């Protein structure tokens, strides 16, 4: 077997966030959004939308507004 080190990118983080948006693990999913930003990756519209959707399911209005604000700061337009 190869000894490969995989480094997550925007697509892999977004996939995890999207998966989490369909589950009932809101805190874990939102931690991925934070981790993504801390690792210097720029979340895209898909990442933010999935995070906001997760907040909706978890009744986390303030967190959803914070993500929406971060989207605007990043010059991304929600769809």
PDB file of N, CA and C in Angstrom:
ATOM      1  N   UNK A   1       0.833  -1.190   0.000  1.00  0.00           N
ATOM      2  CA  UNK A   1       0.000   0.000   0.000  1.00  0.00           C
ATOM      3  C   UNK A   1       0.876   1.251   0.000  1.00  0.00           C
ATOM      4  N   UNK A   2       0.298   2.299  -0.578  1.00  0.00           N
ATOM      5  CA  UNK A   2       1.005   3.576  -0.566  1.00  0.00           C
ATOM      6  C   UNK A   2       0.831   4.266   0.765  1.00  0.00           C
ATOM      7  N   UNK A   3       1.836   4.989   1.131  1.00  0.00           N
ATOM      8  CA  UNK A   3       1.770   5.770   2.351  1.00  0.00           C
ATOM      9  C   UNK A   3       1.439   7.207   1.944  1.00  0.00           C
ATOM     10  N   UNK A   4       0.158   7.476   1.698  1.00  0.00           N
ATOM     11  CA  UNK A   4      -0.275   8.783   1.193  1.00  0.00           C
ATOM     12  C   UNK A   4      -0.866   9.625   2.308  1.00  0.00           C
ATOM     13  N   UNK A   5      -0.569  10.900   2.230  1.00  0.00           N
ATOM     14  CA  UNK A   5      -1.178  11.853   3.149  1.00  0.00           C
ATOM     15  C   UNK A   5      -2.158  12.687   2.339  1.00  0.00           C
ATOM     16  N   UNK A   6      -3.406  12.616   2.719  1.00  0.00           N
ATOM     17  CA  UNK A   6      -4.430  13.371   2.032  1.00  0.00           C
ATOM     18  C   UNK A   6      -4.701  14.658   2.791  1.00  0.00           C
ATOM     19  N   UNK A   7      -4.723  15.753   2.056  1.00  0.00           N
ATOM     20  CA  UNK A   7      -5.000  17.048   2.646  1.00  0.00           C
ATOM     21  C   UNK A   7      -6.383  17.482   2.190  1.00  0.00           C
ATOM     22  N   UNK A   8      -7.288  17.741   3.130  1.00  0.00           N
ATOM     23  CA  UNK A   8      -8.633  18.142   2.732  1.00  0.00           C
ATOM     24  C   UNK A   8      -8.607  19.468   1.975  1.00  0.00           C
ATOM     25  N   UNK A   9      -9.496  19.576   0.995  1.00  0.00           N
ATOM     26  CA  UNK A   9      -9.634  20.815   0.240  1.00  0.00           C
ATOM     27  C   UNK A   9     -11.073  21.307   0.368  1.00  0.00           C
ATOM     28  N   UNK A  10     -11.394  22.366  -0.353  1.00  0.00           N
ATOM     29  CA  UNK A  10     -12.735  22.953  -0.268  1.00  0.00           C
ATOM     30  C   UNK A  10     -13.800  21.925  -0.631  1.00  0.00           C
ATOM     31  N   UNK A  11     -13.531  21.121  -1.634  1.00  0.00           N
ATOM     32  CA  UNK A  11     -14.519  20.134  -2.080  1.00  0.00           C
ATOM     33  C   UNK A  11     -14.759  19.078  -1.005  1.00  0.00           C
ATOM     34  N   UNK A  12     -13.699  18.564  -0.399  1.00  0.00           N
ATOM     35  CA  UNK A  12     -13.889  17.526   0.619  1.00  0.00           C
ATOM     36  C   UNK A  12     -14.564  18.090   1.867  1.00  0.00           C
ATOM     37  N   UNK A  13     -14.190  19.305   2.272  1.00  0.00           N
ATOM     38  CA  UNK A  13     -14.879  19.921   3.407  1.00  0.00           C
ATOM     39  C   UNK A  13     -16.355  20.144   3.076  1.00  0.00           C
ATOM     40  N   UNK A  14     -16.630  20.667   1.881  1.00  0.00           N
ATOM     41  CA  UNK A  14     -18.015  20.930   1.482  1.00  0.00           C
ATOM     42  C   UNK A  14     -18.837  19.651   1.467  1.00  0.00           C
ATOM     43  N   UNK A  15     -18.236  18.561   1.012  1.00  0.00           N
ATOM     44  CA  UNK A  15     -18.943  17.274   1.002  1.00  0.00           C
ATOM     45  C   UNK A  15     -19.293  16.847   2.424  1.00  0.00           C
ATOM     46  N   UNK A  16     -18.370  17.004   3.331  1.00  0.00           N
ATOM     47  CA  UNK A  16     -18.641  16.668   4.733  1.00  0.00           C
ATOM     48  C   UNK A  16     -19.712  17.549   5.338  1.00  0.00           C
ATOM     49  N   UNK A  17     -19.680  18.831   5.012  1.00  0.00           N
ATOM     50  CA  UNK A  17     -20.680  19.768   5.530  1.00  0.00           C
ATOM     51  C   UNK A  17     -22.054  19.446   4.943  1.00  0.00           C
ATOM     52  N   UNK A  18     -22.092  19.140   3.650  1.00  0.00           N
ATOM     53  CA  UNK A  18     -23.359  18.763   3.015  1.00  0.00           C
ATOM     54  C   UNK A  18     -23.932  17.501   3.645  1.00  0.00           C
ATOM     55  N   UNK A  19     -23.080  16.537   3.898  1.00  0.00           N
ATOM     56  CA  UNK A  19     -23.533  15.296   4.535  1.00  0.00           C
ATOM     57  C   UNK A  19     -24.072  15.578   5.934  1.00  0.00           C
ATOM     58  N   UNK A  20     -23.361  16.413   6.651  1.00  0.00           N
ATOM     59  CA  UNK A  20     -23.800  16.752   7.997  1.00  0.00           C
ATOM     60  C   UNK A  20     -25.102  17.534   8.017  1.00  0.00           C
ATOM     61  N   UNK A  21     -25.356  18.309   6.964  1.00  0.00           N
ATOM     62  CA  UNK A  21     -26.597  19.087   6.887  1.00  0.00           C
ATOM     63  C   UNK A  21     -27.817  18.188   6.787  1.00  0.00           C
ATOM     64  N   UNK A  22     -27.607  16.955   6.332  1.00  0.00           N
ATOM     65  CA  UNK A  22     -28.730  16.020   6.217  1.00  0.00           C
ATOM     66  C   UNK A  22     -28.856  15.111   7.435  1.00  0.00           C
ATOM     67  N   UNK A  23     -27.935  15.267   8.383  1.00  0.00           N
ATOM     68  CA  UNK A  23     -27.991  14.440   9.592  1.00  0.00           C
ATOM     69  C   UNK A  23     -28.436  15.291  10.772  1.00  0.00           C
ATOM     70  N   UNK A  24     -28.380  14.721  11.934  1.00  0.00           N
ATOM     71  CA  UNK A  24     -28.749  15.479  13.131  1.00  0.00           C
ATOM     72  C   UNK A  24     -27.525  15.732  14.010  1.00  0.00           C
ATOM     73  N   UNK A  25     -26.402  16.023  13.366  1.00  0.00           N
ATOM     74  CA  UNK A  25     -25.164  16.301  14.084  1.00  0.00           C
ATOM     75  C   UNK A  25     -24.728  17.735  13.803  1.00  0.00           C
ATOM     76  N   UNK A  26     -25.573  18.677  14.199  1.00  0.00           N
ATOM     77  CA  UNK A  26     -25.353  20.083  13.864  1.00  0.00           C
ATOM     78  C   UNK A  26     -24.009  20.620  14.359  1.00  0.00           C
ATOM     79  N   UNK A  27     -23.687  20.358  15.609  1.00  0.00           N
ATOM     80  CA  UNK A  27     -22.451  20.915  16.174  1.00  0.00           C
ATOM     81  C   UNK A  27     -21.212  20.384  15.460  1.00  0.00           C
ATOM     82  N   UNK A  28     -21.234  19.109  15.150  1.00  0.00           N
ATOM     83  CA  UNK A  28     -20.095  18.499  14.454  1.00  0.00           C
ATOM     84  C   UNK A  28     -19.949  19.082  13.043  1.00  0.00           C
ATOM     85  N   UNK A  29     -21.081  19.277  12.374  1.00  0.00           N
ATOM     86  CA  UNK A  29     -21.077  19.835  11.019  1.00  0.00           C
ATOM     87  C   UNK A  29     -20.574  21.277  11.030  1.00  0.00           C
ATOM     88  N   UNK A  30     -21.050  22.066  11.975  1.00  0.00           N
ATOM     89  CA  UNK A  30     -20.608  23.453  12.059  1.00  0.00           C
ATOM     90  C   UNK A  30     -19.146  23.553  12.461  1.00  0.00           C
ATOM     91  N   UNK A  31     -18.655  22.568  13.182  1.00  0.00           N
ATOM     92  CA  UNK A  31     -17.226  22.537  13.508  1.00  0.00           C
ATOM     93  C   UNK A  31     -16.398  22.386  12.235  1.00  0.00           C
ATOM     94  N   UNK A  32     -16.921  21.660  11.253  1.00  0.00           N
ATOM     95  CA  UNK A  32     -16.212  21.535   9.972  1.00  0.00           C
ATOM     96  C   UNK A  32     -16.101  22.878   9.263  1.00  0.00           C
ATOM     97  N   UNK A  33     -17.165  23.683   9.342  1.00  0.00           N
ATOM     98  CA  UNK A  33     -17.122  25.015   8.727  1.00  0.00           C
ATOM     99  C   UNK A  33     -16.021  25.846   9.392  1.00  0.00           C
ATOM    100  N   UNK A  34     -15.977  25.815  10.704  1.00  0.00           N
ATOM    101  CA  UNK A  34     -14.942  26.558  11.440  1.00  0.00           C
ATOM    102  C   UNK A  34     -13.550  26.028  11.128  1.00  0.00           C
ATOM    103  N   UNK A  35     -13.420  24.726  11.117  1.00  0.00           N
ATOM    104  CA  UNK A  35     -12.122  24.100  10.822  1.00  0.00           C
ATOM    105  C   UNK A  35     -11.643  24.481   9.424  1.00  0.00           C
ATOM    106  N   UNK A  36     -12.572  24.525   8.495  1.00  0.00           N
ATOM    107  CA  UNK A  36     -12.238  24.882   7.115  1.00  0.00           C
ATOM    108  C   UNK A  36     -11.661  26.300   7.055  1.00  0.00           C
ATOM    109  N   UNK A  37     -12.308  27.222   7.747  1.00  0.00           N
ATOM    110  CA  UNK A  37     -11.822  28.608   7.748  1.00  0.00           C
ATOM    111  C   UNK A  37     -10.495  28.723   8.481  1.00  0.00           C
ATOM    112  N   UNK A  38     -10.327  27.975   9.569  1.00  0.00           N
ATOM    113  CA  UNK A  38      -9.071  28.015  10.318  1.00  0.00           C
ATOM    114  C   UNK A  38      -7.902  27.449   9.518  1.00  0.00           C
ATOM    115  N   UNK A  39      -8.190  26.538   8.597  1.00  0.00           N
ATOM    116  CA  UNK A  39      -7.122  25.941   7.793  1.00  0.00           C
ATOM    117  C   UNK A  39      -6.799  26.779   6.560  1.00  0.00           C
ATOM    118  N   UNK A  40      -7.305  28.000   6.549  1.00  0.00           N
ATOM    119  CA  UNK A  40      -7.012  28.974   5.489  1.00  0.00           C
ATOM    120  C   UNK A  40      -7.640  28.625   4.146  1.00  0.00           C
ATOM    121  N   UNK A  41      -8.654  27.763   4.161  1.00  0.00           N
ATOM    122  CA  UNK A  41      -9.404  27.483   2.933  1.00  0.00           C
ATOM    123  C   UNK A  41     -10.594  28.427   2.888  1.00  0.00           C
ATOM    124  N   UNK A  42     -10.927  28.891   1.698  1.00  0.00           N
ATOM    125  CA  UNK A  42     -12.071  29.785   1.544  1.00  0.00           C
ATOM    126  C   UNK A  42     -13.324  28.969   1.260  1.00  0.00           C
ATOM    127  N   UNK A  43     -14.253  28.946   2.210  1.00  0.00           N
ATOM    128  CA  UNK A  43     -15.516  28.257   1.930  1.00  0.00           C
ATOM    129  C   UNK A  43     -16.183  28.877   0.707  1.00  0.00           C
ATOM    130  N   UNK A  44     -16.878  28.057  -0.060  1.00  0.00           N
ATOM    131  CA  UNK A  44     -17.590  28.569  -1.227  1.00  0.00           C
ATOM    132  C   UNK A  44     -19.085  28.645  -0.902  1.00  0.00           C
ATOM    133  N   UNK A  45     -19.878  29.009  -1.896  1.00  0.00           N
ATOM    134  CA  UNK A  45     -21.315  29.159  -1.691  1.00  0.00           C
ATOM    135  C   UNK A  45     -21.926  27.844  -1.189  1.00  0.00           C
ATOM    136  N   UNK A  46     -21.470  26.730  -1.737  1.00  0.00           N
ATOM    137  CA  UNK A  46     -22.002  25.427  -1.322  1.00  0.00           C
ATOM    138  C   UNK A  46     -21.704  25.179   0.155  1.00  0.00           C
ATOM    139  N   UNK A  47     -20.506  25.475   0.581  1.00  0.00           N
ATOM    140  CA  UNK A  47     -20.120  25.278   1.985  1.00  0.00           C
ATOM    141  C   UNK A  47     -20.998  26.114   2.913  1.00  0.00           C
ATOM    142  N   UNK A  48     -21.134  27.401   2.574  1.00  0.00           N
ATOM    143  CA  UNK A  48     -21.935  28.287   3.412  1.00  0.00           C
ATOM    144  C   UNK A  48     -23.410  27.882   3.414  1.00  0.00           C
ATOM    145  N   UNK A  49     -23.952  27.575   2.243  1.00  0.00           N
ATOM    146  CA  UNK A  49     -25.363  27.179   2.177  1.00  0.00           C
ATOM    147  C   UNK A  49     -25.637  25.938   3.014  1.00  0.00           C
ATOM    148  N   UNK A  50     -24.731  24.972   2.956  1.00  0.00           N
ATOM    149  CA  UNK A  50     -24.898  23.754   3.755  1.00  0.00           C
ATOM    150  C   UNK A  50     -24.813  24.076   5.244  1.00  0.00           C
ATOM    151  N   UNK A  51     -23.891  24.952   5.608  1.00  0.00           N
ATOM    152  CA  UNK A  51     -23.777  25.359   7.015  1.00  0.00           C
ATOM    153  C   UNK A  51     -25.028  26.076   7.504  1.00  0.00           C
ATOM    154  N   UNK A  52     -25.567  26.958   6.669  1.00  0.00           N
ATOM    155  CA  UNK A  52     -26.789  27.681   7.028  1.00  0.00           C
ATOM    156  C   UNK A  52     -27.958  26.715   7.135  1.00  0.00           C
ATOM    157  N   UNK A  53     -28.029  25.758   6.225  1.00  0.00           N
ATOM    158  CA  UNK A  53     -29.084  24.751   6.275  1.00  0.00           C
ATOM    159  C   UNK A  53     -28.993  23.930   7.564  1.00  0.00           C
ATOM    160  N   UNK A  54     -27.776  23.622   7.974  1.00  0.00           N
ATOM    161  CA  UNK A  54     -27.563  22.901   9.229  1.00  0.00           C
ATOM    162  C   UNK A  54     -28.092  23.718  10.409  1.00  0.00           C
ATOM    163  N   UNK A  55     -27.828  25.019  10.377  1.00  0.00           N
ATOM    164  CA  UNK A  55     -28.313  25.895  11.448  1.00  0.00           C
ATOM    165  C   UNK A  55     -29.835  25.906  11.496  1.00  0.00           C
ATOM    166  N   UNK A  56     -30.449  25.892  10.334  1.00  0.00           N
ATOM    167  CA  UNK A  56     -31.909  25.884  10.271  1.00  0.00           C
ATOM    168  C   UNK A  56     -32.471  24.642  10.965  1.00  0.00           C
ATOM    169  N   UNK A  57     -31.876  23.504  10.687  1.00  0.00           N
ATOM    170  CA  UNK A  57     -32.354  22.250  11.279  1.00  0.00           C
ATOM    171  C   UNK A  57     -32.105  22.205  12.778  1.00  0.00           C
ATOM    172  N   UNK A  58     -31.037  22.857  13.219  1.00  0.00           N
ATOM    173  CA  UNK A  58     -30.692  22.833  14.641  1.00  0.00           C
ATOM    174  C   UNK A  58     -31.237  24.018  15.411  1.00  0.00           C
ATOM    175  N   UNK A  59     -32.042  24.867  14.743  1.00  0.00           N
ATOM    176  CA  UNK A  59     -32.623  26.048  15.374  1.00  0.00           C
ATOM    177  C   UNK A  59     -31.529  26.949  15.953  1.00  0.00           C
ATOM    178  N   UNK A  60     -30.508  27.183  15.151  1.00  0.00           N
ATOM    179  CA  UNK A  60     -29.358  27.998  15.555  1.00  0.00           C
ATOM    180  C   UNK A  60     -29.340  29.290  14.746  1.00  0.00           C
ATOM    181  N   UNK A  61     -30.301  30.158  15.013  1.00  0.00           N
ATOM    182  CA  UNK A  61     -30.487  31.364  14.200  1.00  0.00           C
ATOM    183  C   UNK A  61     -29.274  32.287  14.203  1.00  0.00           C
ATOM    184  N   UNK A  62     -28.695  32.516  15.365  1.00  0.00           N
ATOM    185  CA  UNK A  62     -27.550  33.432  15.461  1.00  0.00           C
ATOM    186  C   UNK A  62     -26.359  32.920  14.664  1.00  0.00           C
ATOM    187  N   UNK A  63     -26.143  31.624  14.720  1.00  0.00           N
ATOM    188  CA  UNK A  63     -25.034  31.032  13.957  1.00  0.00           C
ATOM    189  C   UNK A  63     -25.290  31.152  12.457  1.00  0.00           C
ATOM    190  N   UNK A  64     -26.556  30.966  12.041  1.00  0.00           N
ATOM    191  CA  UNK A  64     -26.914  31.106  10.628  1.00  0.00           C
ATOM    192  C   UNK A  64     -26.661  32.535  10.166  1.00  0.00           C
ATOM    193  N   UNK A  65     -27.025  33.508  10.979  1.00  0.00           N
ATOM    194  CA  UNK A  65     -26.791  34.906  10.620  1.00  0.00           C
ATOM    195  C   UNK A  65     -25.297  35.211  10.538  1.00  0.00           C
ATOM    196  N   UNK A  66     -24.511  34.612  11.423  1.00  0.00           N
ATOM    197  CA  UNK A  66     -23.058  34.805  11.386  1.00  0.00           C
ATOM    198  C   UNK A  66     -22.468  34.239  10.093  1.00  0.00           C
ATOM    199  N   UNK A  67     -22.953  33.065   9.679  1.00  0.00           N
ATOM    200  CA  UNK A  67     -22.473  32.477   8.423  1.00  0.00           C
ATOM    201  C   UNK A  67     -22.889  33.328   7.224  1.00  0.00           C
ATOM    202  N   UNK A  68     -24.110  33.841   7.261  1.00  0.00           N
ATOM    203  CA  UNK A  68     -24.579  34.704   6.180  1.00  0.00           C
ATOM    204  C   UNK A  68     -23.731  35.965   6.103  1.00  0.00           C
ATOM    205  N   UNK A  69     -23.409  36.531   7.243  1.00  0.00           N
ATOM    206  CA  UNK A  69     -22.547  37.715   7.288  1.00  0.00           C
ATOM    207  C   UNK A  69     -21.152  37.395   6.740  1.00  0.00           C
ATOM    208  N   UNK A  70     -20.623  36.229   7.102  1.00  0.00           N
ATOM    209  CA  UNK A  70     -19.308  35.814   6.598  1.00  0.00           C
ATOM    210  C   UNK A  70     -19.348  35.641   5.076  1.00  0.00           C
ATOM    211  N   UNK A  71     -20.479  35.160   4.570  1.00  0.00           N
ATOM    212  CA  UNK A  71     -20.636  35.028   3.113  1.00  0.00           C
ATOM    213  C   UNK A  71     -20.530  36.375   2.436  1.00  0.00           C
ATOM    214  N   UNK A  72     -21.251  37.349   2.981  1.00  0.00           N
ATOM    215  CA  UNK A  72     -21.215  38.690   2.411  1.00  0.00           C
ATOM    216  C   UNK A  72     -19.803  39.270   2.493  1.00  0.00           C
ATOM    217  N   UNK A  73     -19.125  39.071   3.633  1.00  0.00           N
ATOM    218  CA  UNK A  73     -17.753  39.567   3.796  1.00  0.00           C
ATOM    219  C   UNK A  73     -16.816  38.948   2.753  1.00  0.00           C
ATOM    220  N   UNK A  74     -17.083  37.702   2.384  1.00  0.00           N
ATOM    221  CA  UNK A  74     -16.254  37.011   1.394  1.00  0.00           C
ATOM    222  C   UNK A  74     -16.674  37.345  -0.039  1.00  0.00           C
ATOM    223  N   UNK A  75     -17.634  38.263  -0.168  1.00  0.00           N
ATOM    224  CA  UNK A  75     -18.126  38.695  -1.487  1.00  0.00           C
ATOM    225  C   UNK A  75     -18.806  37.551  -2.243  1.00  0.00           C
ATOM    226  N   UNK A  76     -19.449  36.663  -1.495  1.00  0.00           N
ATOM    227  CA  UNK A  76     -20.207  35.575  -2.107  1.00  0.00           C
ATOM    228  C   UNK A  76     -21.689  35.913  -2.010  1.00  0.00           C
ATOM    229  N   UNK A  77     -22.419  35.575  -3.046  1.00  0.00           N
ATOM    230  CA  UNK A  77     -23.855  35.853  -3.082  1.00  0.00           C
ATOM    231  C   UNK A  77     -24.617  34.568  -2.789  1.00  0.00           C
ATOM    232  N   UNK A  78     -25.434  34.589  -1.728  1.00  0.00           N
ATOM    233  CA  UNK A  78     -26.204  33.389  -1.416  1.00  0.00           C
ATOM    234  C   UNK A  78     -27.189  33.055  -2.543  1.00  0.00           C
ATOM    235  N   UNK A  79     -27.431  31.783  -2.730  1.00  0.00           N
ATOM    236  CA  UNK A  79     -28.416  31.410  -3.747  1.00  0.00           C
ATOM    237  C   UNK A  79     -29.575  30.665  -3.142  1.00  0.00           C
TER     238      UNK A  79
END
